Protein backbone atom coordinates (compact mmCIF):
# COMPACT_ATOMS: atom_id res chain seq x y z
CA MET A 1 40.90 45.90 30.72
CA THR A 2 37.89 46.03 32.02
CA SER A 3 37.18 45.90 36.25
CA LEU A 4 36.05 42.76 37.92
CA SER A 5 32.99 44.82 39.33
CA ALA A 6 31.63 45.50 35.55
CA VAL A 7 31.85 42.16 34.69
CA LEU A 8 30.10 40.96 37.67
CA ASP A 9 27.54 43.88 37.19
CA TRP A 10 27.20 42.68 33.54
CA LEU A 11 26.73 38.93 35.00
CA ILE A 12 23.93 39.87 37.71
CA VAL A 13 22.11 41.98 35.04
CA SER A 14 22.31 38.62 32.42
CA LEU A 15 21.27 36.35 34.69
CA ALA A 16 18.42 38.35 36.38
CA LEU A 17 17.39 38.81 32.36
CA GLY A 18 17.94 34.68 31.76
CA SER A 19 15.76 34.57 34.69
CA THR A 20 12.69 36.72 33.62
CA LEU A 21 13.08 35.05 30.12
CA VAL A 22 12.94 31.20 31.67
CA GLY A 23 10.30 31.67 33.83
CA SER A 24 8.01 33.16 31.19
CA TYR A 25 8.73 30.03 29.23
CA VAL A 26 7.81 28.02 32.39
CA GLY A 27 4.54 29.74 33.28
CA TYR A 28 3.53 30.05 29.61
CA GLN A 29 3.91 25.66 29.04
CA ALA A 30 2.10 25.46 32.34
CA TYR A 31 -0.43 27.27 30.85
CA ARG A 32 -0.61 25.71 27.47
CA GLY A 33 -1.36 22.56 30.54
CA TYR A 34 -4.03 24.12 32.02
CA ARG A 35 -5.70 24.59 28.08
CA ARG A 36 -5.08 21.32 26.73
CA HIS A 37 -6.83 19.79 30.36
CA ASP A 38 -8.76 22.67 30.85
CA SER A 39 -8.54 22.03 34.84
CA ARG A 40 -8.76 24.38 37.73
CA THR A 41 -5.72 22.84 39.70
CA MET A 42 -3.78 23.37 36.28
CA ARG A 43 -4.78 27.44 35.81
CA ALA A 44 -3.74 27.70 39.68
CA LEU A 45 -0.16 26.02 38.82
CA SER A 46 0.17 28.20 35.81
CA ALA A 47 -1.01 31.47 37.24
CA GLY A 48 1.50 30.24 40.67
CA LEU A 49 4.52 29.63 37.89
CA PHE A 50 4.02 32.91 36.01
CA LEU A 51 4.00 35.11 39.37
CA LEU A 52 6.41 33.47 40.98
CA THR A 53 9.05 33.54 37.84
CA ALA A 54 8.41 35.48 35.07
CA VAL A 55 6.54 38.59 37.46
CA ALA A 56 8.47 38.89 40.26
CA PHE A 57 11.59 38.70 38.50
CA GLY A 58 10.72 40.71 35.81
CA VAL A 59 9.98 43.55 38.49
CA ALA A 60 13.19 42.97 40.28
CA PHE A 61 14.85 43.50 37.27
CA VAL A 62 13.20 46.36 36.14
CA GLY A 63 13.08 48.24 39.19
CA SER A 64 17.08 47.05 39.86
CA VAL A 65 17.81 48.61 36.39
CA LEU A 66 16.22 51.72 36.75
CA LEU A 67 17.49 52.31 40.04
CA ARG A 68 20.51 51.92 38.96
CA GLU A 69 20.76 54.23 36.43
CA GLY A 70 19.43 56.41 38.65
CA TYR A 71 16.09 57.12 36.89
CA ILE A 72 14.04 56.41 40.09
CA GLY A 73 15.37 57.51 43.64
CA LEU A 74 16.54 55.03 46.22
CA GLN A 75 13.26 56.12 48.13
CA TYR A 76 11.62 53.39 45.78
CA GLN A 77 13.82 50.52 46.57
CA GLN A 78 12.09 49.37 49.50
CA PRO A 79 8.59 49.24 47.90
CA LEU A 80 9.92 47.88 44.76
CA THR A 81 11.14 45.12 46.90
CA LEU A 82 7.94 45.06 48.75
CA VAL A 83 6.29 44.22 45.82
CA THR A 84 8.44 41.61 44.31
CA ARG A 85 8.22 39.69 47.58
CA LEU A 86 4.09 40.29 47.52
CA PHE A 87 4.18 38.54 43.88
CA GLN A 88 6.84 35.78 44.95
CA PHE A 89 4.21 35.29 47.98
CA CYS A 90 1.25 35.27 45.58
CA GLY A 91 2.97 32.41 43.21
CA VAL A 92 3.89 30.14 46.04
CA VAL A 93 0.56 30.21 47.49
CA LEU A 94 -1.24 29.66 43.84
CA ILE A 95 1.22 26.65 43.35
CA ALA A 96 0.53 25.20 47.48
CA TYR A 97 -3.19 25.54 46.21
CA SER A 98 -2.75 24.07 43.34
CA LEU A 99 -0.92 20.75 44.87
CA HIS A 100 -3.66 20.36 47.43
CA SER A 101 -6.54 21.14 45.36
CA ARG A 102 -8.93 18.60 44.25
CA GLY A 103 -9.87 18.71 40.54
C-alpha cells in the first residue's frame, strides 16, 4: 500500500508537468496566430503567454525536481523562486502590453 504522501507527491509532479506541457501548447498556438496575422500585439501576447505558462512552470518544475532529489542544494530554492516569479512577471507585463497596444 502506498502512502498518501507518495501519491500526493506524484500528483503534484504530474500537475506541474501537465501545466508545462499545456502552457507550451498555448504559447505555440498564440505564436501561430502572430505568424498568421503578423501583428506586433499578437507577438507580445504569444511571448507573454509562453513566458507565463511554459517557461515559468518549466523552471519551477525542473527546479523542484532537482531540489527534491538533492541534485542542487536548498540554498538555490530562493533564487529558483525568484527566477520563476521574474518569468511570470515578464509574461504578465507582455500580456498587458498586448491588450493595451494599438496595432
